[in-house]
Amino acid sequence: MLLVADDIDLWESHSGWWQAGFTDGADPEYTDQILPLAADLLAGRSRVLDVGTGEGQVARLAKAGGADLVVGIDPTTNQVSEAARRGGGPLYSRAGADRLPFPDGSFDAVVACLVFEHIEAVDDAIDEVARVLVPGGRFAFFLNHPLLQTPGSGWIDDQVMEPPEQYWRIGPYLEEDSTIEEVEKGVYIPFIHRPLSRYVNAMADAGLVLRRMVEPAPPPAFLARAAEYQAAASIPRLLVLVAEREAG
């Protein structure tokens, strides 16, 4: 992730929150949805870069899937140190997404999993992804769905209607917005909302051609967490864009 200094400090401070809550089977969306999708999209790729690797679970997945070389980069020392401690075969480096420390065409796949909604310099980061890919290389781009990240969005319990209704309110979707969210008591994480077109157009400008888009329904294990989540069964929480580096 490319973050400003204060944002990096937040990720350093709260790296344990991420490691405890979203890795090693702790989070059903990762276990049942994100990791299987990543494994499928990275299958057969021999040189993989994991941008914003965190503690390395996607990088380890790529290595276990047969990739010859897997490198994970992250700007936070606590995440890179933990990734190295957990091992599993990938190499790790502390680096930002806007200045990847690799030659042109170093990888045949780049994966970024729930990372770009935390990156400030999105255009530079996407340009760098394109640069380090070989022609025909794949970019597997996982995002929290922009509809869910829109400022002011959230569940509304409408008690005026008869019978009462619950629905998802969408905020000012077309406006880019940076926020610091309290995701858990005392845990503050930076988020940047951008409309989908912002990412797609940046990829097009960088020579990354969109080949596929996936909007999976929330997995059953997530919906089973609480009764109110059943109302979200038809609202995608995840967006996956699959792009390819143009030849020439």
C-alpha atoms as a PDB file:
ATOM      1  CA  MET A   1       0.000   0.000   0.000  1.00  0.00           C
ATOM      2  CA  LEU A   2       1.128   3.554  -0.621  1.00  0.00           C
ATOM      3  CA  LEU A   3       0.078   5.522   2.416  1.00  0.00           C
ATOM      4  CA  VAL A   4       0.947   8.830   3.968  1.00  0.00           C
ATOM      5  CA  ALA A   5       3.067   8.697   7.133  1.00  0.00           C
ATOM      6  CA  ASP A   6       0.152   8.952   9.574  1.00  0.00           C
ATOM      7  CA  ASP A   7      -1.696   6.165   7.753  1.00  0.00           C
ATOM      8  CA  ILE A   8       1.350   3.894   7.894  1.00  0.00           C
ATOM      9  CA  ASP A   9       1.542   4.558  11.634  1.00  0.00           C
ATOM     10  CA  LEU A  10      -2.086   3.430  11.980  1.00  0.00           C
ATOM     11  CA  TRP A  11      -1.375   0.196  10.124  1.00  0.00           C
ATOM     12  CA  GLU A  12       1.744  -0.380  12.205  1.00  0.00           C
ATOM     13  CA  SER A  13      -0.241   0.184  15.398  1.00  0.00           C
ATOM     14  CA  HIS A  14      -3.120  -2.051  14.381  1.00  0.00           C
ATOM     15  CA  SER A  15      -1.349  -4.814  12.466  1.00  0.00           C
ATOM     16  CA  GLY A  16      -2.228  -7.235  15.265  1.00  0.00           C
ATOM     17  CA  TRP A  17      -5.924  -6.519  14.732  1.00  0.00           C
ATOM     18  CA  TRP A  18      -5.596  -7.586  11.108  1.00  0.00           C
ATOM     19  CA  GLN A  19      -3.481 -10.644  11.850  1.00  0.00           C
ATOM     20  CA  ALA A  20      -5.817 -11.903  14.576  1.00  0.00           C
ATOM     21  CA  GLY A  21      -9.084 -11.193  12.806  1.00  0.00           C
ATOM     22  CA  PHE A  22      -8.504 -11.942   9.129  1.00  0.00           C
ATOM     23  CA  THR A  23      -5.849 -14.675   8.813  1.00  0.00           C
ATOM     24  CA  ASP A  24      -5.339 -18.351   9.637  1.00  0.00           C
ATOM     25  CA  GLY A  25      -9.026 -19.149   9.135  1.00  0.00           C
ATOM     26  CA  ALA A  26     -10.357 -16.427  11.452  1.00  0.00           C
ATOM     27  CA  ASP A  27     -12.453 -14.703   8.773  1.00  0.00           C
ATOM     28  CA  PRO A  28     -15.014 -16.697   6.735  1.00  0.00           C
ATOM     29  CA  GLU A  29     -14.963 -14.257   3.830  1.00  0.00           C
ATOM     30  CA  TYR A  30     -11.243 -14.873   3.359  1.00  0.00           C
ATOM     31  CA  THR A  31     -11.486 -18.614   3.982  1.00  0.00           C
ATOM     32  CA  ASP A  32     -14.605 -19.350   1.936  1.00  0.00           C
ATOM     33  CA  GLN A  33     -14.451 -16.724  -0.785  1.00  0.00           C
ATOM     34  CA  ILE A  34     -11.346 -14.562  -1.204  1.00  0.00           C
ATOM     35  CA  LEU A  35      -8.664 -17.233  -0.919  1.00  0.00           C
ATOM     36  CA  PRO A  36     -10.410 -19.743  -3.240  1.00  0.00           C
ATOM     37  CA  LEU A  37     -10.915 -17.004  -5.856  1.00  0.00           C
ATOM     38  CA  ALA A  38      -7.269 -15.952  -5.557  1.00  0.00           C
ATOM     39  CA  ALA A  39      -6.084 -19.549  -5.895  1.00  0.00           C
ATOM     40  CA  ASP A  40      -8.124 -19.960  -9.084  1.00  0.00           C
ATOM     41  CA  LEU A  41      -6.925 -16.679 -10.626  1.00  0.00           C
ATOM     42  CA  LEU A  42      -3.259 -17.367  -9.823  1.00  0.00           C
ATOM     43  CA  ALA A  43      -3.246 -21.013 -10.912  1.00  0.00           C
ATOM     44  CA  GLY A  44      -0.554 -21.716 -13.494  1.00  0.00           C
ATOM     45  CA  ARG A  45       1.298 -18.442 -12.900  1.00  0.00           C
ATOM     46  CA  SER A  46       4.964 -18.977 -12.109  1.00  0.00           C
ATOM     47  CA  ARG A  47       6.103 -15.518 -10.903  1.00  0.00           C
ATOM     48  CA  VAL A  48       3.631 -13.757  -8.619  1.00  0.00           C
ATOM     49  CA  LEU A  49       3.774 -10.402  -6.847  1.00  0.00           C
ATOM     50  CA  ASP A  50       1.416  -9.819  -3.912  1.00  0.00           C
ATOM     51  CA  VAL A  51       0.950  -6.055  -3.442  1.00  0.00           C
ATOM     52  CA  GLY A  52      -0.003  -5.095   0.120  1.00  0.00           C
ATOM     53  CA  THR A  53       0.740  -8.612   1.296  1.00  0.00           C
ATOM     54  CA  GLY A  54       0.067  -7.935   4.986  1.00  0.00           C
ATOM     55  CA  GLU A  55       1.134 -11.021   6.909  1.00  0.00           C
ATOM     56  CA  GLY A  56       1.403 -12.964   3.646  1.00  0.00           C
ATOM     57  CA  GLN A  57      -1.585 -15.295   3.490  1.00  0.00           C
ATOM     58  CA  VAL A  58      -2.249 -14.679  -0.227  1.00  0.00           C
ATOM     59  CA  ALA A  59       1.473 -14.927  -1.015  1.00  0.00           C
ATOM     60  CA  ARG A  60       1.655 -18.268   0.823  1.00  0.00           C
ATOM     61  CA  LEU A  61      -1.401 -19.433  -1.094  1.00  0.00           C
ATOM     62  CA  ALA A  62       0.287 -18.614  -4.423  1.00  0.00           C
ATOM     63  CA  LYS A  63       3.434 -20.477  -3.411  1.00  0.00           C
ATOM     64  CA  ALA A  64       1.468 -23.497  -2.233  1.00  0.00           C
ATOM     65  CA  GLY A  65      -0.365 -23.437  -5.573  1.00  0.00           C
ATOM     66  CA  GLY A  66       2.854 -24.088  -7.459  1.00  0.00           C
ATOM     67  CA  ALA A  67       4.328 -20.694  -8.327  1.00  0.00           C
ATOM     68  CA  ASP A  68       8.113 -20.807  -8.653  1.00  0.00           C
ATOM     69  CA  LEU A  69       8.650 -17.285  -7.306  1.00  0.00           C
ATOM     70  CA  VAL A  70       6.323 -15.343  -5.028  1.00  0.00           C
ATOM     71  CA  VAL A  71       7.187 -11.921  -3.628  1.00  0.00           C
ATOM     72  CA  GLY A  72       5.063  -9.996  -1.139  1.00  0.00           C
ATOM     73  CA  ILE A  73       5.504  -6.269  -0.542  1.00  0.00           C
ATOM     74  CA  ASP A  74       3.982  -4.102   2.167  1.00  0.00           C
ATOM     75  CA  PRO A  75       4.961  -0.693   3.621  1.00  0.00           C
ATOM     76  CA  THR A  76       4.450  -1.724   7.243  1.00  0.00           C
ATOM     77  CA  THR A  77       7.315  -3.276   9.176  1.00  0.00           C
ATOM     78  CA  ASN A  78       5.065  -5.243  11.538  1.00  0.00           C
ATOM     79  CA  GLN A  79       3.280  -6.964   8.658  1.00  0.00           C
ATOM     80  CA  VAL A  80       6.428  -7.826   6.704  1.00  0.00           C
ATOM     81  CA  SER A  81       8.121  -9.155   9.848  1.00  0.00           C
ATOM     82  CA  GLU A  82       5.129 -11.345  10.654  1.00  0.00           C
ATOM     83  CA  ALA A  83       4.944 -12.585   7.060  1.00  0.00           C
ATOM     84  CA  ALA A  84       8.598 -13.602   7.186  1.00  0.00           C
ATOM     85  CA  ARG A  85       8.040 -15.307  10.561  1.00  0.00           C
ATOM     86  CA  ARG A  86       5.156 -17.362   9.189  1.00  0.00           C
ATOM     87  CA  GLY A  87       7.328 -18.504   6.270  1.00  0.00           C
ATOM     88  CA  GLY A  88       5.753 -20.727   3.626  1.00  0.00           C
ATOM     89  CA  GLY A  89       8.176 -19.959   0.804  1.00  0.00           C
ATOM     90  CA  PRO A  90       7.518 -16.402  -0.444  1.00  0.00           C
ATOM     91  CA  LEU A  91      10.059 -13.604  -0.274  1.00  0.00           C
ATOM     92  CA  TYR A  92       9.053 -10.345   1.413  1.00  0.00           C
ATOM     93  CA  SER A  93      10.120  -6.724   1.137  1.00  0.00           C
ATOM     94  CA  ARG A  94       9.018  -3.464   2.735  1.00  0.00           C
ATOM     95  CA  ALA A  95       7.944  -1.256  -0.178  1.00  0.00           C
ATOM     96  CA  GLY A  96       5.100   0.925  -1.390  1.00  0.00           C
ATOM     97  CA  ALA A  97       2.929   0.176  -4.391  1.00  0.00           C
ATOM     98  CA  ASP A  98       3.870   3.386  -6.216  1.00  0.00           C
ATOM     99  CA  ARG A  99       7.570   2.467  -6.489  1.00  0.00           C
ATOM    100  CA  LEU A 100       7.892  -1.260  -6.887  1.00  0.00           C
ATOM    101  CA  PRO A 101      11.552  -2.277  -6.560  1.00  0.00           C
ATOM    102  CA  PHE A 102      11.533  -4.649  -9.537  1.00  0.00           C
ATOM    103  CA  PRO A 103      12.555  -4.448 -13.215  1.00  0.00           C
ATOM    104  CA  ASP A 104       9.988  -4.191 -15.997  1.00  0.00           C
ATOM    105  CA  GLY A 105       8.246  -7.463 -16.788  1.00  0.00           C
ATOM    106  CA  SER A 106       9.350  -9.262 -13.628  1.00  0.00           C
ATOM    107  CA  PHE A 107       6.069 -11.119 -12.987  1.00  0.00           C
ATOM    108  CA  ASP A 108       3.370 -12.955 -14.901  1.00  0.00           C
ATOM    109  CA  ALA A 109       0.766 -12.202 -12.219  1.00  0.00           C
ATOM    110  CA  VAL A 110       0.137  -9.436  -9.697  1.00  0.00           C
ATOM    111  CA  VAL A 111      -2.490  -9.764  -6.993  1.00  0.00           C
ATOM    112  CA  ALA A 112      -3.776  -6.983  -4.735  1.00  0.00           C
ATOM    113  CA  CYS A 113      -6.287  -8.116  -2.150  1.00  0.00           C
ATOM    114  CA  LEU A 114      -8.346  -5.413  -0.390  1.00  0.00           C
ATOM    115  CA  VAL A 115      -5.430  -3.006  -0.719  1.00  0.00           C
ATOM    116  CA  PHE A 116      -6.192  -0.223  -3.188  1.00  0.00           C
ATOM    117  CA  GLU A 117      -8.966   1.255  -1.055  1.00  0.00           C
ATOM    118  CA  HIS A 118      -6.139   2.231   1.305  1.00  0.00           C
ATOM    119  CA  ILE A 119      -3.722   3.594  -1.337  1.00  0.00           C
ATOM    120  CA  GLU A 120      -3.412   7.345  -1.816  1.00  0.00           C
ATOM    121  CA  ALA A 121      -1.533   7.479  -5.173  1.00  0.00           C
ATOM    122  CA  VAL A 122      -3.761   5.081  -7.068  1.00  0.00           C
ATOM    123  CA  ASP A 123      -2.619   6.071 -10.580  1.00  0.00           C
ATOM    124  CA  ASP A 124       1.072   5.596  -9.790  1.00  0.00           C
ATOM    125  CA  ALA A 125       0.361   2.256  -8.131  1.00  0.00           C
ATOM    126  CA  ILE A 126      -1.631   0.930 -11.092  1.00  0.00           C
ATOM    127  CA  ASP A 127       1.058   2.168 -13.496  1.00  0.00           C
ATOM    128  CA  GLU A 128       3.617   0.220 -11.469  1.00  0.00           C
ATOM    129  CA  VAL A 129       1.498  -2.935 -11.571  1.00  0.00           C
ATOM    130  CA  ALA A 130       1.384  -2.675 -15.379  1.00  0.00           C
ATOM    131  CA  ARG A 131       5.119  -2.001 -15.605  1.00  0.00           C
ATOM    132  CA  VAL A 132       6.217  -5.087 -13.668  1.00  0.00           C
ATOM    133  CA  LEU A 133       3.864  -7.422 -15.567  1.00  0.00           C
ATOM    134  CA  VAL A 134       4.941  -9.250 -18.690  1.00  0.00           C
ATOM    135  CA  PRO A 135       2.734  -8.752 -21.774  1.00  0.00           C
ATOM    136  CA  GLY A 136      -0.248 -11.004 -21.213  1.00  0.00           C
ATOM    137  CA  GLY A 137       0.382 -11.018 -17.458  1.00  0.00           C
ATOM    138  CA  ARG A 138      -2.638 -11.056 -15.153  1.00  0.00           C
ATOM    139  CA  PHE A 139      -3.690  -8.493 -12.565  1.00  0.00           C
ATOM    140  CA  ALA A 140      -6.084  -9.987  -9.976  1.00  0.00           C
ATOM    141  CA  PHE A 141      -7.576  -6.922  -8.312  1.00  0.00           C
ATOM    142  CA  PHE A 142      -9.727  -7.514  -5.197  1.00  0.00           C
ATOM    143  CA  LEU A 143     -11.684  -4.601  -3.703  1.00  0.00           C
ATOM    144  CA  ASN A 144     -14.246  -4.077  -1.026  1.00  0.00           C
ATOM    145  CA  HIS A 145     -17.184  -3.313  -3.292  1.00  0.00           C
ATOM    146  CA  PRO A 146     -17.241   0.477  -3.896  1.00  0.00           C
ATOM    147  CA  LEU A 147     -20.978   0.592  -3.176  1.00  0.00           C
ATOM    148  CA  LEU A 148     -20.234  -0.517   0.392  1.00  0.00           C
ATOM    149  CA  GLN A 149     -17.383   1.971   0.771  1.00  0.00           C
ATOM    150  CA  THR A 150     -19.409   5.016  -0.258  1.00  0.00           C
ATOM    151  CA  PRO A 151     -19.379   7.593   2.601  1.00  0.00           C
ATOM    152  CA  GLY A 152     -22.678   7.623   4.444  1.00  0.00           C
ATOM    153  CA  SER A 153     -23.751   4.216   3.195  1.00  0.00           C
ATOM    154  CA  GLY A 154     -25.256   1.735   5.600  1.00  0.00           C
ATOM    155  CA  TRP A 155     -28.281  -0.238   6.671  1.00  0.00           C
ATOM    156  CA  ILE A 156     -31.481   1.727   7.280  1.00  0.00           C
ATOM    157  CA  ASP A 157     -34.327   0.376   9.394  1.00  0.00           C
ATOM    158  CA  ASP A 158     -37.389   2.135   8.010  1.00  0.00           C
ATOM    159  CA  GLN A 159     -40.068   1.922  10.696  1.00  0.00           C
ATOM    160  CA  VAL A 160     -42.363   4.307   8.812  1.00  0.00           C
ATOM    161  CA  MET A 161     -43.193   1.686   6.198  1.00  0.00           C
ATOM    162  CA  GLU A 162     -45.794  -0.937   6.998  1.00  0.00           C
ATOM    163  CA  PRO A 163     -44.509  -3.529   7.387  1.00  0.00           C
ATOM    164  CA  PRO A 164     -41.111  -2.029   8.381  1.00  0.00           C
ATOM    165  CA  GLU A 165     -38.334  -2.370   5.818  1.00  0.00           C
ATOM    166  CA  GLN A 166     -34.570  -2.673   6.003  1.00  0.00           C
ATOM    167  CA  TYR A 167     -32.531  -1.464   3.042  1.00  0.00           C
ATOM    168  CA  TRP A 168     -29.030  -0.333   2.099  1.00  0.00           C
ATOM    169  CA  ARG A 169     -28.579   3.422   1.680  1.00  0.00           C
ATOM    170  CA  ILE A 170     -25.947   4.499  -0.858  1.00  0.00           C
ATOM    171  CA  GLY A 171     -24.123   7.756  -0.161  1.00  0.00           C
ATOM    172  CA  PRO A 172     -22.461  10.113  -2.699  1.00  0.00           C
ATOM    173  CA  TYR A 173     -21.022   7.313  -4.814  1.00  0.00           C
ATOM    174  CA  LEU A 174     -19.351   9.473  -7.478  1.00  0.00           C
ATOM    175  CA  GLU A 175     -17.338  11.533  -4.980  1.00  0.00           C
ATOM    176  CA  GLU A 176     -13.886  10.362  -3.924  1.00  0.00           C
ATOM    177  CA  ASP A 177     -13.501  10.539  -0.183  1.00  0.00           C
ATOM    178  CA  SER A 178     -10.831   9.709   2.416  1.00  0.00           C
ATOM    179  CA  THR A 179     -11.843   8.721   5.932  1.00  0.00           C
ATOM    180  CA  ILE A 180     -10.361   7.219   9.079  1.00  0.00           C
ATOM    181  CA  GLU A 181     -12.825   4.592  10.277  1.00  0.00           C
ATOM    182  CA  GLU A 182     -13.077   3.033  13.717  1.00  0.00           C
ATOM    183  CA  VAL A 183     -13.477  -0.564  12.555  1.00  0.00           C
ATOM    184  CA  GLU A 184     -13.384  -1.907  16.098  1.00  0.00           C
ATOM    185  CA  LYS A 185     -13.220  -0.171  19.456  1.00  0.00           C
ATOM    186  CA  GLY A 186      -9.917   1.707  19.493  1.00  0.00           C
ATOM    187  CA  VAL A 187      -8.846   0.469  16.033  1.00  0.00           C
ATOM    188  CA  TYR A 188      -8.658   3.179  13.363  1.00  0.00           C
ATOM    189  CA  ILE A 189      -7.973   2.341   9.714  1.00  0.00           C
ATOM    190  CA  PRO A 190      -7.756   4.721   6.683  1.00  0.00           C
ATOM    191  CA  PHE A 191     -10.116   4.111   3.754  1.00  0.00           C
ATOM    192  CA  ILE A 192     -10.477   5.834   0.384  1.00  0.00           C
ATOM    193  CA  HIS A 193     -13.732   5.544  -1.538  1.00  0.00           C
ATOM    194  CA  ARG A 194     -13.558   5.766  -5.328  1.00  0.00           C
ATOM    195  CA  PRO A 195     -16.207   4.885  -7.918  1.00  0.00           C
ATOM    196  CA  LEU A 196     -15.539   1.792  -9.977  1.00  0.00           C
ATOM    197  CA  SER A 197     -14.909   3.829 -13.130  1.00  0.00           C
ATOM    198  CA  ARG A 198     -11.928   5.462 -11.429  1.00  0.00           C
ATOM    199  CA  TYR A 199     -10.132   2.134 -11.154  1.00  0.00           C
ATOM    200  CA  VAL A 200     -11.167   0.807 -14.571  1.00  0.00           C
ATOM    201  CA  ASN A 201     -10.072   3.970 -16.378  1.00  0.00           C
ATOM    202  CA  ALA A 202      -6.740   4.047 -14.528  1.00  0.00           C
ATOM    203  CA  MET A 203      -6.117   0.466 -15.600  1.00  0.00           C
ATOM    204  CA  ALA A 204      -7.034   1.263 -19.205  1.00  0.00           C
ATOM    205  CA  ASP A 205      -4.624   4.221 -19.209  1.00  0.00           C
ATOM    206  CA  ALA A 206      -1.871   1.914 -17.923  1.00  0.00           C
ATOM    207  CA  GLY A 207      -2.452  -0.702 -20.622  1.00  0.00           C
ATOM    208  CA  LEU A 208      -4.339  -3.154 -18.422  1.00  0.00           C
ATOM    209  CA  VAL A 209      -7.317  -4.601 -20.295  1.00  0.00           C
ATOM    210  CA  LEU A 210     -10.285  -5.750 -18.230  1.00  0.00           C
ATOM    211  CA  ARG A 211     -11.108  -9.381 -19.038  1.00  0.00           C
ATOM    212  CA  ARG A 212     -13.539 -10.324 -16.313  1.00  0.00           C
ATOM    213  CA  MET A 213     -15.459  -8.910 -13.364  1.00  0.00           C
ATOM    214  CA  VAL A 214     -16.758 -10.942 -10.415  1.00  0.00           C
ATOM    215  CA  GLU A 215     -19.327  -9.800  -7.828  1.00  0.00           C
ATOM    216  CA  PRO A 216     -19.850 -12.883  -5.638  1.00  0.00           C
ATOM    217  CA  ALA A 217     -22.621 -13.142  -3.081  1.00  0.00           C
ATOM    218  CA  PRO A 218     -21.472 -13.170   0.558  1.00  0.00           C
ATOM    219  CA  PRO A 219     -20.471 -16.728   1.558  1.00  0.00           C
ATOM    220  CA  PRO A 220     -22.804 -18.780   3.768  1.00  0.00           C
ATOM    221  CA  ALA A 221     -20.406 -18.794   6.718  1.00  0.00           C
ATOM    222  CA  PHE A 222     -20.450 -15.000   6.759  1.00  0.00           C
ATOM    223  CA  LEU A 223     -24.249 -14.850   6.529  1.00  0.00           C
ATOM    224  CA  ALA A 224     -24.491 -17.319   9.421  1.00  0.00           C
ATOM    225  CA  ARG A 225     -22.717 -14.920  11.789  1.00  0.00           C
ATOM    226  CA  ALA A 226     -25.933 -13.080  12.663  1.00  0.00           C
ATOM    227  CA  ALA A 227     -29.543 -13.096  11.559  1.00  0.00           C
ATOM    228  CA  GLU A 228     -29.395  -9.537  10.222  1.00  0.00           C
ATOM    229  CA  TYR A 229     -26.751 -10.515   7.669  1.00  0.00           C
ATOM    230  CA  GLN A 230     -29.318 -12.640   5.842  1.00  0.00           C
ATOM    231  CA  ALA A 231     -30.791  -9.395   4.514  1.00  0.00           C
ATOM    232  CA  ALA A 232     -27.457  -8.781   2.762  1.00  0.00           C
ATOM    233  CA  ALA A 233     -27.428 -12.071   0.870  1.00  0.00           C
ATOM    234  CA  SER A 234     -28.036 -10.371  -2.488  1.00  0.00           C
ATOM    235  CA  ILE A 235     -25.650  -7.425  -1.912  1.00  0.00           C
ATOM    236  CA  PRO A 236     -22.039  -8.123  -2.972  1.00  0.00           C
ATOM    237  CA  ARG A 237     -19.372  -7.151  -0.460  1.00  0.00           C
ATOM    238  CA  LEU A 238     -16.515  -8.089  -2.791  1.00  0.00           C
ATOM    239  CA  LEU A 239     -15.532  -6.925  -6.287  1.00  0.00           C
ATOM    240  CA  VAL A 240     -12.841  -8.707  -8.305  1.00  0.00           C
ATOM    241  CA  LEU A 241     -11.461  -7.228 -11.515  1.00  0.00           C
ATOM    242  CA  VAL A 242      -9.319  -9.482 -13.694  1.00  0.00           C
ATOM    243  CA  ALA A 243      -7.115  -7.582 -16.142  1.00  0.00           C
ATOM    244  CA  GLU A 244      -4.368  -8.443 -18.599  1.00  0.00           C
ATOM    245  CA  ARG A 245      -1.295  -6.475 -19.617  1.00  0.00           C
ATOM    246  CA  GLU A 246      -1.490  -5.479 -23.262  1.00  0.00           C
ATOM    247  CA  ALA A 247       1.184  -6.782 -25.616  1.00  0.00           C
ATOM    248  CA  GLY A 248       3.658  -4.200 -26.877  1.00  0.00           C
END
